[in-house]
PDB file of all heavy atoms in Angstrom:
ATOM      1  N   THR A   1       3.456  -0.069  -7.146  1.00  0.00           N
ATOM      2  CA  THR A   1       4.919  -0.028  -7.068  1.00  0.00           C
ATOM      3  C   THR A   1       5.412   1.373  -6.695  1.00  0.00           C
ATOM      4  O   THR A   1       6.401   1.514  -5.964  1.00  0.00           O
ATOM      5  CB  THR A   1       5.557  -0.456  -8.401  1.00  0.00           C
ATOM      6  OG1 THR A   1       5.000   0.318  -9.475  1.00  0.00           O
ATOM      7  CG2 THR A   1       5.336  -1.933  -8.673  1.00  0.00           C
ATOM      8  N   LEU A   2       4.724   2.389  -7.187  1.00  0.00           N
ATOM      9  CA  LEU A   2       5.117   3.758  -6.879  1.00  0.00           C
ATOM     10  C   LEU A   2       4.643   4.182  -5.492  1.00  0.00           C
ATOM     11  O   LEU A   2       5.361   4.893  -4.773  1.00  0.00           O
ATOM     12  CB  LEU A   2       4.575   4.702  -7.948  1.00  0.00           C
ATOM     13  CG  LEU A   2       5.200   4.473  -9.332  1.00  0.00           C
ATOM     14  CD1 LEU A   2       4.383   5.151 -10.416  1.00  0.00           C
ATOM     15  CD2 LEU A   2       6.635   4.959  -9.373  1.00  0.00           C
ATOM     16  N   ALA A   3       3.458   3.728  -5.090  1.00  0.00           N
ATOM     17  CA  ALA A   3       2.946   4.071  -3.759  1.00  0.00           C
ATOM     18  C   ALA A   3       3.826   3.489  -2.658  1.00  0.00           C
ATOM     19  O   ALA A   3       4.054   4.139  -1.630  1.00  0.00           O
ATOM     20  CB  ALA A   3       1.507   3.583  -3.609  1.00  0.00           C
ATOM     21  N   VAL A   4       4.324   2.272  -2.856  1.00  0.00           N
ATOM     22  CA  VAL A   4       5.231   1.674  -1.873  1.00  0.00           C
ATOM     23  C   VAL A   4       6.463   2.564  -1.703  1.00  0.00           C
ATOM     24  O   VAL A   4       6.876   2.888  -0.581  1.00  0.00           O
ATOM     25  CB  VAL A   4       5.651   0.254  -2.310  1.00  0.00           C
ATOM     26  CG1 VAL A   4       6.850  -0.239  -1.498  1.00  0.00           C
ATOM     27  CG2 VAL A   4       4.484  -0.719  -2.158  1.00  0.00           C
ATOM     28  N   GLN A   5       7.055   2.979  -2.807  1.00  0.00           N
ATOM     29  CA  GLN A   5       8.270   3.785  -2.746  1.00  0.00           C
ATOM     30  C   GLN A   5       8.007   5.172  -2.160  1.00  0.00           C
ATOM     31  O   GLN A   5       8.795   5.683  -1.356  1.00  0.00           O
ATOM     32  CB  GLN A   5       8.866   3.931  -4.146  1.00  0.00           C
ATOM     33  CG  GLN A   5       9.330   2.617  -4.760  1.00  0.00           C
ATOM     34  CD  GLN A   5       9.783   2.809  -6.206  1.00  0.00           C
ATOM     35  OE1 GLN A   5      10.871   3.313  -6.461  1.00  0.00           O
ATOM     36  NE2 GLN A   5       8.935   2.411  -7.138  1.00  0.00           N
ATOM     37  N   LEU A   6       6.899   5.791  -2.554  1.00  0.00           N
ATOM     38  CA  LEU A   6       6.582   7.124  -2.046  1.00  0.00           C
ATOM     39  C   LEU A   6       6.290   7.074  -0.550  1.00  0.00           C
ATOM     40  O   LEU A   6       6.711   7.968   0.197  1.00  0.00           O
ATOM     41  CB  LEU A   6       5.393   7.709  -2.797  1.00  0.00           C
ATOM     42  CG  LEU A   6       5.656   8.144  -4.236  1.00  0.00           C
ATOM     43  CD1 LEU A   6       4.359   8.625  -4.885  1.00  0.00           C
ATOM     44  CD2 LEU A   6       6.710   9.250  -4.300  1.00  0.00           C
ATOM     45  N   ALA A   7       5.562   6.066  -0.098  1.00  0.00           N
ATOM     46  CA  ALA A   7       5.257   5.950   1.326  1.00  0.00           C
ATOM     47  C   ALA A   7       6.550   5.870   2.144  1.00  0.00           C
ATOM     48  O   ALA A   7       6.693   6.532   3.188  1.00  0.00           O
ATOM     49  CB  ALA A   7       4.376   4.731   1.587  1.00  0.00           C
ATOM     50  N   LYS A   8       7.515   5.086   1.663  1.00  0.00           N
ATOM     51  CA  LYS A   8       8.801   4.985   2.371  1.00  0.00           C
ATOM     52  C   LYS A   8       9.559   6.305   2.302  1.00  0.00           C
ATOM     53  O   LYS A   8      10.129   6.765   3.305  1.00  0.00           O
ATOM     54  CB  LYS A   8       9.644   3.856   1.786  1.00  0.00           C
ATOM     55  CG  LYS A   8       9.089   2.475   2.009  1.00  0.00           C
ATOM     56  CD  LYS A   8       8.922   2.144   3.491  1.00  0.00           C
ATOM     57  CE  LYS A   8      10.248   1.889   4.185  1.00  0.00           C
ATOM     58  NZ  LYS A   8      10.042   1.376   5.568  1.00  0.00           N
ATOM     59  N   ALA A   9       9.558   6.931   1.128  1.00  0.00           N
ATOM     60  CA  ALA A   9      10.290   8.193   0.967  1.00  0.00           C
ATOM     61  C   ALA A   9       9.714   9.289   1.851  1.00  0.00           C
ATOM     62  O   ALA A   9      10.449  10.192   2.296  1.00  0.00           O
ATOM     63  CB  ALA A   9      10.258   8.629  -0.492  1.00  0.00           C
ATOM     64  N   TRP A  10       8.414   9.224   2.132  1.00  0.00           N
ATOM     65  CA  TRP A  10       7.754  10.259   2.917  1.00  0.00           C
ATOM     66  C   TRP A  10       7.579   9.868   4.383  1.00  0.00           C
ATOM     67  O   TRP A  10       6.794  10.485   5.103  1.00  0.00           O
ATOM     68  CB  TRP A  10       6.410  10.599   2.288  1.00  0.00           C
ATOM     69  CG  TRP A  10       6.558  11.282   0.952  1.00  0.00           C
ATOM     70  CD1 TRP A  10       7.657  11.957   0.482  1.00  0.00           C
ATOM     71  CD2 TRP A  10       5.582  11.358  -0.096  1.00  0.00           C
ATOM     72  NE1 TRP A  10       7.424  12.440  -0.780  1.00  0.00           N
ATOM     73  CE2 TRP A  10       6.162  12.101  -1.178  1.00  0.00           C
ATOM     74  CE3 TRP A  10       4.281  10.883  -0.248  1.00  0.00           C
ATOM     75  CZ2 TRP A  10       5.479  12.357  -2.359  1.00  0.00           C
ATOM     76  CZ3 TRP A  10       3.600  11.135  -1.425  1.00  0.00           C
ATOM     77  CH2 TRP A  10       4.189  11.872  -2.462  1.00  0.00           C
ATOM     78  N   GLY A  11       8.299   8.829   4.820  1.00  0.00           N
ATOM     79  CA  GLY A  11       8.402   8.570   6.248  1.00  0.00           C
ATOM     80  C   GLY A  11       7.401   7.616   6.854  1.00  0.00           C
ATOM     81  O   GLY A  11       7.219   7.616   8.082  1.00  0.00           O
ATOM     82  N   ALA A  12       6.742   6.790   6.061  1.00  0.00           N
ATOM     83  CA  ALA A  12       5.828   5.801   6.638  1.00  0.00           C
ATOM     84  C   ALA A  12       6.586   4.911   7.620  1.00  0.00           C
ATOM     85  O   ALA A  12       7.736   4.517   7.376  1.00  0.00           O
ATOM     86  CB  ALA A  12       5.198   4.952   5.538  1.00  0.00           C
ATOM     87  N   GLY A  13       5.930   4.587   8.718  1.00  0.00           N
ATOM     88  CA  GLY A  13       6.584   3.755   9.711  1.00  0.00           C
ATOM     89  C   GLY A  13       6.700   2.313   9.285  1.00  0.00           C
ATOM     90  O   GLY A  13       7.703   1.646   9.558  1.00  0.00           O
ATOM     91  N   ARG A  14       5.662   1.808   8.620  1.00  0.00           N
ATOM     92  CA  ARG A  14       5.654   0.409   8.178  1.00  0.00           C
ATOM     93  C   ARG A  14       4.800   0.321   6.932  1.00  0.00           C
ATOM     94  O   ARG A  14       3.642   0.761   6.931  1.00  0.00           O
ATOM     95  CB  ARG A  14       5.125  -0.510   9.274  1.00  0.00           C
ATOM     96  CG  ARG A  14       5.323  -2.003   9.023  1.00  0.00           C
ATOM     97  CD  ARG A  14       5.057  -2.792  10.301  1.00  0.00           C
ATOM     98  NE  ARG A  14       5.196  -4.226  10.114  1.00  0.00           N
ATOM     99  CZ  ARG A  14       6.356  -4.888  10.133  1.00  0.00           C
ATOM    100  NH1 ARG A  14       7.482  -4.227  10.325  1.00  0.00           N
ATOM    101  NH2 ARG A  14       6.394  -6.197   9.980  1.00  0.00           N
ATOM    102  N   VAL A  15       5.348  -0.241   5.870  1.00  0.00           N
ATOM    103  CA  VAL A  15       4.618  -0.409   4.613  1.00  0.00           C
ATOM    104  C   VAL A  15       4.321  -1.885   4.427  1.00  0.00           C
ATOM    105  O   VAL A  15       5.232  -2.720   4.410  1.00  0.00           O
ATOM    106  CB  VAL A  15       5.413   0.134   3.410  1.00  0.00           C
ATOM    107  CG1 VAL A  15       4.672  -0.159   2.105  1.00  0.00           C
ATOM    108  CG2 VAL A  15       5.649   1.633   3.555  1.00  0.00           C
ATOM    109  N   ILE A  16       3.032  -2.187   4.291  1.00  0.00           N
ATOM    110  CA  ILE A  16       2.555  -3.562   4.133  1.00  0.00           C
ATOM    111  C   ILE A  16       2.002  -3.704   2.722  1.00  0.00           C
ATOM    112  O   ILE A  16       1.071  -2.986   2.337  1.00  0.00           O
ATOM    113  CB  ILE A  16       1.466  -3.883   5.168  1.00  0.00           C
ATOM    114  CG1 ILE A  16       2.018  -3.708   6.594  1.00  0.00           C
ATOM    115  CG2 ILE A  16       0.911  -5.295   4.966  1.00  0.00           C
ATOM    116  CD1 ILE A  16       0.943  -3.548   7.643  1.00  0.00           C
ATOM    117  N   ALA A  17       2.571  -4.604   1.955  1.00  0.00           N
ATOM    118  CA  ALA A  17       2.157  -4.807   0.573  1.00  0.00           C
ATOM    119  C   ALA A  17       1.349  -6.089   0.450  1.00  0.00           C
ATOM    120  O   ALA A  17       1.596  -7.057   1.173  1.00  0.00           O
ATOM    121  CB  ALA A  17       3.382  -4.881  -0.340  1.00  0.00           C
ATOM    122  N   THR A  18       0.392  -6.095  -0.471  1.00  0.00           N
ATOM    123  CA  THR A  18      -0.263  -7.346  -0.846  1.00  0.00           C
ATOM    124  C   THR A  18      -0.070  -7.544  -2.346  1.00  0.00           C
ATOM    125  O   THR A  18      -0.056  -6.585  -3.115  1.00  0.00           O
ATOM    126  CB  THR A  18      -1.772  -7.357  -0.515  1.00  0.00           C
ATOM    127  OG1 THR A  18      -2.493  -6.562  -1.463  1.00  0.00           O
ATOM    128  CG2 THR A  18      -2.030  -6.849   0.893  1.00  0.00           C
ATOM    129  N   ALA A  19       0.084  -8.799  -2.735  1.00  0.00           N
ATOM    130  CA  ALA A  19       0.256  -9.138  -4.150  1.00  0.00           C
ATOM    131  C   ALA A  19      -0.089 -10.602  -4.342  1.00  0.00           C
ATOM    132  O   ALA A  19      -0.082 -11.396  -3.391  1.00  0.00           O
ATOM    133  CB  ALA A  19       1.682  -8.850  -4.616  1.00  0.00           C
ATOM    134  N   SER A  20      -0.349 -10.985  -5.593  1.00  0.00           N
ATOM    135  CA  SER A  20      -0.951 -12.280  -5.876  1.00  0.00           C
ATOM    136  C   SER A  20       0.043 -13.413  -6.116  1.00  0.00           C
ATOM    137  O   SER A  20      -0.374 -14.555  -6.251  1.00  0.00           O
ATOM    138  CB  SER A  20      -1.878 -12.158  -7.099  1.00  0.00           C
ATOM    139  OG  SER A  20      -1.135 -11.725  -8.235  1.00  0.00           O
ATOM    140  N   SER A  21       1.336 -13.129  -6.189  1.00  0.00           N
ATOM    141  CA  SER A  21       2.316 -14.185  -6.417  1.00  0.00           C
ATOM    142  C   SER A  21       3.588 -13.882  -5.648  1.00  0.00           C
ATOM    143  O   SER A  21       3.831 -12.736  -5.238  1.00  0.00           O
ATOM    144  CB  SER A  21       2.650 -14.311  -7.909  1.00  0.00           C
ATOM    145  OG  SER A  21       3.398 -13.185  -8.346  1.00  0.00           O
ATOM    146  N   LYS A  22       4.403 -14.905  -5.451  1.00  0.00           N
ATOM    147  CA  LYS A  22       5.657 -14.707  -4.718  1.00  0.00           C
ATOM    148  C   LYS A  22       6.554 -13.714  -5.437  1.00  0.00           C
ATOM    149  O   LYS A  22       7.188 -12.858  -4.806  1.00  0.00           O
ATOM    150  CB  LYS A  22       6.389 -16.033  -4.535  1.00  0.00           C
ATOM    151  CG  LYS A  22       7.680 -15.899  -3.717  1.00  0.00           C
ATOM    152  CD  LYS A  22       8.377 -17.221  -3.534  1.00  0.00           C
ATOM    153  CE  LYS A  22       9.614 -17.063  -2.638  1.00  0.00           C
ATOM    154  NZ  LYS A  22      10.578 -16.067  -3.149  1.00  0.00           N
ATOM    155  N   ASP A  23       6.634 -13.810  -6.767  1.00  0.00           N
ATOM    156  CA  ASP A  23       7.471 -12.876  -7.517  1.00  0.00           C
ATOM    157  C   ASP A  23       7.022 -11.440  -7.293  1.00  0.00           C
ATOM    158  O   ASP A  23       7.844 -10.527  -7.137  1.00  0.00           O
ATOM    159  CB  ASP A  23       7.440 -13.209  -9.012  1.00  0.00           C
ATOM    160  CG  ASP A  23       8.248 -14.452  -9.352  1.00  0.00           C
ATOM    161  OD1 ASP A  23       9.029 -14.920  -8.489  1.00  0.00           O
ATOM    162  OD2 ASP A  23       8.096 -14.965 -10.481  1.00  0.00           O
ATOM    163  N   LYS A  24       5.719 -11.217  -7.284  1.00  0.00           N
ATOM    164  CA  LYS A  24       5.204  -9.864  -7.082  1.00  0.00           C
ATOM    165  C   LYS A  24       5.449  -9.396  -5.646  1.00  0.00           C
ATOM    166  O   LYS A  24       5.765  -8.222  -5.412  1.00  0.00           O
ATOM    167  CB  LYS A  24       3.714  -9.811  -7.417  1.00  0.00           C
ATOM    168  CG  LYS A  24       3.418  -9.982  -8.906  1.00  0.00           C
ATOM    169  CD  LYS A  24       1.935  -9.842  -9.193  1.00  0.00           C
ATOM    170  CE  LYS A  24       1.655  -9.939 -10.688  1.00  0.00           C
ATOM    171  NZ  LYS A  24       0.237  -9.733 -11.015  1.00  0.00           N
ATOM    172  N   ARG A  25       5.326 -10.310  -4.702  1.00  0.00           N
ATOM    173  CA  ARG A  25       5.600  -9.932  -3.310  1.00  0.00           C
ATOM    174  C   ARG A  25       7.087  -9.622  -3.125  1.00  0.00           C
ATOM    175  O   ARG A  25       7.453  -8.682  -2.412  1.00  0.00           O
ATOM    176  CB  ARG A  25       5.129 -11.029  -2.358  1.00  0.00           C
ATOM    177  CG  ARG A  25       3.606 -11.186  -2.325  1.00  0.00           C
ATOM    178  CD  ARG A  25       3.131 -12.081  -1.216  1.00  0.00           C
ATOM    179  NE  ARG A  25       3.441 -13.484  -1.435  1.00  0.00           N
ATOM    180  CZ  ARG A  25       2.684 -14.322  -2.135  1.00  0.00           C
ATOM    181  NH1 ARG A  25       1.573 -13.880  -2.729  1.00  0.00           N
ATOM    182  NH2 ARG A  25       3.019 -15.595  -2.269  1.00  0.00           N
ATOM    183  N   ASP A  26       7.938 -10.391  -3.785  1.00  0.00           N
ATOM    184  CA  ASP A  26       9.377 -10.121  -3.718  1.00  0.00           C
ATOM    185  C   ASP A  26       9.697  -8.747  -4.321  1.00  0.00           C
ATOM    186  O   ASP A  26      10.559  -8.024  -3.814  1.00  0.00           O
ATOM    187  CB  ASP A  26      10.158 -11.216  -4.445  1.00  0.00           C
ATOM    188  CG  ASP A  26      10.185 -12.528  -3.686  1.00  0.00           C
ATOM    189  OD1 ASP A  26       9.847 -12.531  -2.479  1.00  0.00           O
ATOM    190  OD2 ASP A  26      10.540 -13.558  -4.297  1.00  0.00           O
ATOM    191  N   LEU A  27       9.011  -8.393  -5.405  1.00  0.00           N
ATOM    192  CA  LEU A  27       9.209  -7.086  -6.012  1.00  0.00           C
ATOM    193  C   LEU A  27       8.832  -5.985  -5.025  1.00  0.00           C
ATOM    194  O   LEU A  27       9.557  -4.987  -4.883  1.00  0.00           O
ATOM    195  CB  LEU A  27       8.374  -6.962  -7.286  1.00  0.00           C
ATOM    196  CG  LEU A  27       8.340  -5.572  -7.947  1.00  0.00           C
ATOM    197  CD1 LEU A  27       9.741  -5.131  -8.366  1.00  0.00           C
ATOM    198  CD2 LEU A  27       7.397  -5.572  -9.146  1.00  0.00           C
ATOM    199  N   ALA A  28       7.696  -6.140  -4.353  1.00  0.00           N
ATOM    200  CA  ALA A  28       7.263  -5.133  -3.383  1.00  0.00           C
ATOM    201  C   ALA A  28       8.291  -4.966  -2.263  1.00  0.00           C
ATOM    202  O   ALA A  28       8.583  -3.840  -1.837  1.00  0.00           O
ATOM    203  CB  ALA A  28       5.904  -5.515  -2.808  1.00  0.00           C
TER     204      ALA A  28
END
C-alpha cells in the first residue's frame, strides 16, 4: 500500500498492482 503511493509520488509513469481479491484491487 505504501509502495504504490510512493511510486506515484516519485513520478512513476504507470503503477501496476496485483492483489488477491476485488476489494484489495479496489484499494490499490
